Amino acid sequence: MIEFEKYQAAGNDFIIIYNMNKEYDYLNDLAISVCDRHYGVGADGLIVLEQSEIGDAKMLYFNSDGSSAPMCGNGIRCFAMYLYDHKILTSPTMNIETLAGIVEVKLLINDKQIEQIKVNLGKPEYLLKDDLSKPKLTDVVIDGQIFKGTVLKLKVLHTVVLIDKFNTEDVLKYGPQIENYFSEKSNVNFVEVLNSNSIKVITWEKGAGLTKACGTGAAASAIIAAELKNITLPTKVIMPGGEVLVDAKRDGVYLTGTAYKVCEGIYMKWGWNK
């Protein structure tokens, strides 16, 4: 039996467990089991709290298919709220250890209530760039369909594809193929520019498939739209599950949004077969 809590940010949902004493192992298998929406609790990913020697707390993240990921932008907002809810950390500024390094998170609190959570994702690394080190687009050809896309790392590897109009069927069809298009698997973000300070994004996540939202994907998409489509930062990013705000400062790209606790319980099934 495992005690768990479930949180969501912009419809991106996560199971969080306490593992400071390393009581639970086989975390990849646990992620597959507990995230199953028919046989488990159901979630996009599993977040595990462990002791950190270099930060205030350590966050491990596993996709619903059991694969680990360096970080999760929506997940870390939920994780920060969990830490604060349980008084594991009491400061509104947290330095959280992830596989992508230390990530600074700030809780924006009003009248003892967390209203927003702001994450510094660091500076983007463009994997496709021009002579001025700016991101550039390339043709992504899938089944005769030509997309304009680019690749960057913002804690997590992302392909950003610029489109004229949303079509969820295209995301389901082409997302899995574009995920494997470049040398390393990436999340795939389809981006529609709405106006000078808002974009619409839908993400195919490696290890999770089509999700309601992706925090690092929203941030990566906004940065590319600012560089190549001249949108203004800060910008609102609209996703199927909700909205976030993305801005860029000298010290990094900032992702700001809400997070909510959904439920808590005891997972009884661990170790059983379906």
Foldseek 3Di string as FASTA:
>chain_A
DFWWFWKFFLQQIEIEGECQVVPDPPVLVVLLQQQDVPRHVHGQWYWYWYDDPPWLTEIWIAGNNSHTAQDFQGVVQQVLVVCCVVPSDPAQWTFYQTSLGTKIKGFDDDPNDGDKIKIFQFAKQWPDADPVNFHAWDWDADPNDTWTWGWIDRSFIEIETEDADDDVVCCQVCQVVVLVRDPHGGKYWYWHDDDQAEIEIWIQGVRRGTGQDTQVSQQVNVVNCCRPVVRDPQHWYQGNSGIWTWGADPGGIMIMGDMGIDGIDGTDCPPHDD
